Amino acid sequence: MDILTIFLRTVLIYFVVFLMLRLMGKREIGKLSLFDLVISIMIAEIAVFVLEDVEKPVMDGIVPMATLVLIQIIIAYVTLKNRNLRILFDGKPSVIIKQGLIDRDEMKKHRYNLDDLMQQLRQNKIMNVADVEFAVLEPSGKLSVVEKSLKAKEAETAIDEQGLKGTIRYEGLPLPLIMDGKVQDDNLEKIGKTRFWLKNQLQFKGARDFKEVFYCSIDHRGRMFLDRKR
């Protein structure tokens, strides 16, 4: 009897949760903001409580879930009319890369590190930070990227070819040479270069010391990207 009760309650709760998510709208499926995430987690937790305790009336779970859905619908409607409230509940986009430069302060504010940035750029099919003109961290946590124009890329490549001495014995993804002011010696070894060589290249680009550099990378063509601490 208990097994049958659990089975029937599970089926019922499934359709109830399904219906409530449909009522919340397609926005919840396409973009999960912090507010949406809280609502979704609470609905899931309430559903579990009802399924775990067969002695508890089903309505003890349906009423709180319906209340949460009602709150979500009301807030979604109100924020549709008021941008300030929309920013309060959903947050606002943050520009992580602006005109080809990484905004370190903005990254700190969101506790967003260089590894996070590299990962999300790869998810956008961009392997080199040097190819990015703008990168915006959306409230949902997704990174929206605008690439540099072909003309800008060619101009930067020409400048790098003038400054880089010797050939780069490396083929593959762009390698970070400096991260947060720290030289990545293992990556220097991969391209057959030394710290002395790297310091010369930095000086050519106007940086006197490794600690002045927030991020520096090089690709297989020898094109170097440099972002200095500000």
Protein backbone atom coordinates (compact mmCIF):
# COMPACT_ATOMS: atom_id res chain seq x y z
CA MET A 1 0.00 0.00 0.00
CA ASP A 2 2.83 2.39 0.90
CA ILE A 3 4.59 1.70 -2.40
CA LEU A 4 1.41 2.40 -4.37
CA THR A 5 0.86 5.63 -2.40
CA ILE A 6 4.42 6.78 -3.07
CA PHE A 7 4.02 5.95 -6.76
CA LEU A 8 0.78 7.90 -7.10
CA ARG A 9 2.11 10.88 -5.12
CA THR A 10 5.25 10.94 -7.27
CA VAL A 11 3.20 11.01 -10.47
CA LEU A 12 0.95 13.74 -9.05
CA ILE A 13 3.85 15.91 -7.84
CA TYR A 14 5.60 15.49 -11.19
CA PHE A 15 2.64 16.90 -13.10
CA VAL A 16 2.12 19.65 -10.51
CA VAL A 17 5.77 20.80 -10.78
CA PHE A 18 5.62 20.51 -14.58
CA LEU A 19 2.48 22.66 -14.68
CA MET A 20 3.96 25.26 -12.34
CA LEU A 21 7.14 25.59 -14.37
CA ARG A 22 5.03 26.06 -17.49
CA LEU A 23 3.07 28.79 -15.70
CA MET A 24 6.33 30.52 -14.78
CA GLY A 25 7.03 30.88 -18.50
CA LYS A 26 9.72 30.02 -21.05
CA ARG A 27 11.99 32.63 -19.49
CA GLU A 28 12.78 30.17 -16.68
CA ILE A 29 14.04 27.59 -19.15
CA GLY A 30 16.06 29.95 -21.32
CA LYS A 31 17.68 32.07 -18.59
CA LEU A 32 18.09 31.14 -14.95
CA SER A 33 18.80 34.28 -12.91
CA LEU A 34 19.54 34.24 -9.17
CA PHE A 35 15.86 34.91 -8.38
CA ASP A 36 14.70 32.14 -10.74
CA LEU A 37 17.23 29.75 -9.22
CA VAL A 38 15.94 30.39 -5.68
CA ILE A 39 12.33 29.77 -6.76
CA SER A 40 13.26 26.58 -8.63
CA ILE A 41 15.27 25.18 -5.69
CA MET A 42 12.47 25.92 -3.22
CA ILE A 43 9.88 24.21 -5.43
CA ALA A 44 12.14 21.16 -5.74
CA GLU A 45 12.71 21.02 -1.96
CA ILE A 46 8.99 21.26 -1.19
CA ALA A 47 8.26 18.48 -3.70
CA VAL A 48 10.82 16.24 -1.94
CA PHE A 49 9.29 16.88 1.49
CA VAL A 50 5.87 15.79 0.25
CA LEU A 51 7.27 12.63 -1.35
CA GLU A 52 9.37 11.65 1.68
CA ASP A 53 6.53 11.87 4.21
CA VAL A 54 3.53 9.88 3.01
CA GLU A 55 1.62 10.94 6.14
CA LYS A 56 1.76 14.58 5.08
CA PRO A 57 -1.23 15.75 3.00
CA VAL A 58 -0.36 16.49 -0.64
CA MET A 59 -1.95 19.93 -0.29
CA ASP A 60 0.76 20.82 2.26
CA GLY A 61 3.15 20.76 -0.66
CA ILE A 62 0.95 22.07 -3.47
CA VAL A 63 -0.08 25.24 -1.60
CA PRO A 64 3.51 26.45 -0.90
CA MET A 65 4.56 25.63 -4.47
CA ALA A 66 1.58 27.51 -5.88
CA THR A 67 2.44 30.44 -3.60
CA LEU A 68 6.01 30.54 -4.93
CA VAL A 69 4.78 30.45 -8.54
CA LEU A 70 2.35 33.28 -7.79
CA ILE A 71 5.18 35.34 -6.27
CA GLN A 72 7.34 34.70 -9.31
CA ILE A 73 4.59 35.68 -11.77
CA ILE A 74 3.78 38.88 -9.85
CA ILE A 75 7.44 39.93 -9.61
CA ALA A 76 8.02 39.08 -13.29
CA TYR A 77 5.06 41.30 -14.23
CA VAL A 78 6.14 44.18 -11.97
CA THR A 79 9.76 44.07 -13.18
CA LEU A 80 8.45 44.16 -16.74
CA LYS A 81 7.22 47.69 -16.00
CA ASN A 82 10.04 48.86 -13.72
CA ARG A 83 13.69 48.61 -14.77
CA ASN A 84 15.06 49.44 -11.31
CA LEU A 85 13.19 46.50 -9.79
CA ARG A 86 14.30 44.32 -12.69
CA ILE A 87 17.95 45.13 -11.92
CA LEU A 88 17.31 44.51 -8.20
CA PHE A 89 15.94 40.99 -8.77
CA ASP A 90 17.82 39.91 -11.91
CA GLY A 91 21.01 41.93 -11.59
CA LYS A 92 22.68 43.73 -14.47
CA PRO A 93 25.31 42.76 -17.05
CA SER A 94 28.97 43.40 -16.24
CA VAL A 95 31.56 44.28 -18.87
CA ILE A 96 34.55 41.99 -18.28
CA ILE A 97 36.49 42.93 -21.42
CA LYS A 98 36.09 46.44 -22.85
CA GLN A 99 37.81 47.54 -26.06
CA GLY A 100 40.16 44.57 -25.78
CA LEU A 101 41.19 45.24 -22.16
CA ILE A 102 40.27 43.01 -19.20
CA ASP A 103 38.53 44.87 -16.37
CA ARG A 104 40.19 43.41 -13.29
CA ASP A 105 38.06 45.40 -10.80
CA GLU A 106 34.84 44.15 -12.38
CA MET A 107 36.11 40.57 -12.19
CA LYS A 108 36.98 41.03 -8.52
CA LYS A 109 33.52 42.39 -7.77
CA HIS A 110 31.92 39.20 -9.08
CA ARG A 111 34.65 36.87 -7.75
CA TYR A 112 35.29 35.91 -11.37
CA ASN A 113 38.82 34.67 -12.08
CA LEU A 114 40.93 34.25 -15.21
CA ASP A 115 40.24 30.51 -15.39
CA ASP A 116 36.49 31.25 -15.45
CA LEU A 117 37.06 33.74 -18.26
CA MET A 118 39.17 31.31 -20.32
CA GLN A 119 36.61 28.54 -19.89
CA GLN A 120 33.68 30.67 -21.01
CA LEU A 121 35.60 32.08 -23.95
CA ARG A 122 36.28 28.51 -25.11
CA GLN A 123 32.57 27.77 -24.75
CA ASN A 124 32.02 30.69 -27.14
CA LYS A 125 34.52 29.03 -29.54
CA ILE A 126 37.14 31.72 -28.89
CA MET A 127 40.58 30.42 -28.00
CA ASN A 128 42.47 33.69 -27.67
CA VAL A 129 41.66 36.71 -25.47
CA ALA A 130 43.42 38.84 -28.08
CA ASP A 131 40.49 38.21 -30.45
CA VAL A 132 37.93 39.75 -28.06
CA GLU A 133 36.72 43.36 -28.30
CA PHE A 134 33.96 43.13 -25.67
CA ALA A 135 32.91 40.40 -23.24
CA VAL A 136 29.82 40.87 -21.07
CA LEU A 137 28.96 38.68 -18.09
CA GLU A 138 25.17 38.39 -18.13
CA PRO A 139 23.03 38.14 -14.94
CA SER A 140 22.48 34.46 -15.76
CA GLY A 141 26.26 33.86 -15.60
CA LYS A 142 26.60 33.44 -19.37
CA LEU A 143 29.40 35.31 -21.14
CA SER A 144 28.41 37.23 -24.29
CA VAL A 145 31.37 37.97 -26.55
CA VAL A 146 31.99 40.40 -29.41
CA GLU A 147 35.08 39.59 -31.47
CA LYS A 148 37.50 42.14 -32.89
CA SER A 149 37.26 43.00 -36.57
CA LEU A 150 39.59 41.27 -39.03
CA LYS A 151 41.38 44.56 -39.71
CA ALA A 152 42.15 45.06 -36.00
CA LYS A 153 43.50 41.50 -35.69
CA GLU A 154 45.77 41.98 -38.71
CA ALA A 155 47.12 45.27 -37.33
CA GLU A 156 47.94 43.68 -33.95
CA THR A 157 49.64 40.73 -35.66
CA ALA A 158 51.83 43.12 -37.68
CA ILE A 159 52.91 44.95 -34.50
CA ASP A 160 53.73 41.68 -32.74
CA GLU A 161 55.81 40.46 -35.68
CA GLN A 162 57.95 43.58 -35.36
CA GLY A 163 58.50 43.08 -31.62
CA LEU A 164 58.92 39.31 -31.30
CA LYS A 165 62.41 37.99 -31.79
CA GLY A 166 63.01 34.43 -32.96
CA THR A 167 60.53 31.75 -33.90
CA ILE A 168 57.87 30.27 -31.63
CA ARG A 169 58.28 26.49 -31.51
CA TYR A 170 54.71 25.80 -30.55
CA GLU A 171 51.45 24.83 -32.24
CA GLY A 172 48.12 24.63 -30.47
CA LEU A 173 45.89 26.71 -28.24
CA PRO A 174 47.07 30.12 -26.96
CA LEU A 175 49.24 29.74 -23.88
CA PRO A 176 49.02 32.04 -20.84
CA LEU A 177 52.50 33.32 -20.02
CA ILE A 178 51.51 35.54 -17.08
CA MET A 179 48.44 35.24 -14.86
CA ASP A 180 47.79 37.68 -12.00
CA GLY A 181 51.38 38.93 -12.25
CA LYS A 182 52.88 35.44 -12.00
CA VAL A 183 54.98 33.98 -14.81
CA GLN A 184 53.84 30.55 -16.06
CA ASP A 185 57.28 28.98 -16.46
CA ASP A 186 55.97 25.65 -17.74
CA ASN A 187 54.30 27.43 -20.68
CA LEU A 188 57.49 29.37 -21.42
CA GLU A 189 59.29 26.02 -21.69
CA LYS A 190 56.69 24.78 -24.18
CA ILE A 191 57.53 27.61 -26.58
CA GLY A 192 61.28 27.33 -25.90
CA LYS A 193 61.63 30.78 -24.32
CA THR A 194 62.97 32.21 -21.06
CA ARG A 195 61.94 34.87 -18.56
CA PHE A 196 64.61 37.14 -20.04
CA TRP A 197 62.96 36.88 -23.46
CA LEU A 198 59.52 37.48 -21.96
CA LYS A 199 60.71 40.57 -20.08
CA ASN A 200 62.11 42.01 -23.31
CA GLN A 201 58.76 41.51 -25.05
CA LEU A 202 56.92 43.15 -22.16
CA GLN A 203 59.25 46.13 -22.28
CA PHE A 204 58.60 46.45 -26.01
CA LYS A 205 54.90 46.71 -25.13
CA GLY A 206 55.50 49.23 -22.35
CA ALA A 207 55.48 47.02 -19.24
CA ARG A 208 58.63 47.21 -17.09
CA ASP A 209 57.99 44.28 -14.75
CA PHE A 210 56.04 41.02 -14.60
CA LYS A 211 54.04 42.29 -11.61
CA GLU A 212 52.60 45.07 -13.76
CA VAL A 213 50.88 42.49 -15.97
CA PHE A 214 47.47 41.03 -15.11
CA TYR A 215 47.34 38.62 -18.06
CA CYS A 216 49.62 37.82 -20.98
CA SER A 217 49.28 35.06 -23.57
CA ILE A 218 50.78 34.04 -26.89
CA ASP A 219 49.30 32.05 -29.77
CA HIS A 220 50.93 29.68 -32.26
CA ARG A 221 51.59 32.54 -34.70
CA GLY A 222 53.55 34.45 -32.08
CA ARG A 223 50.80 37.01 -31.53
CA MET A 224 51.00 38.24 -27.94
CA PHE A 225 48.11 39.58 -25.87
CA LEU A 226 48.95 41.81 -22.91
CA ASP A 227 46.66 43.28 -20.26
CA ARG A 228 48.33 45.44 -17.62
CA LYS A 229 47.14 46.00 -14.06
CA ARG A 230 45.45 49.36 -13.59
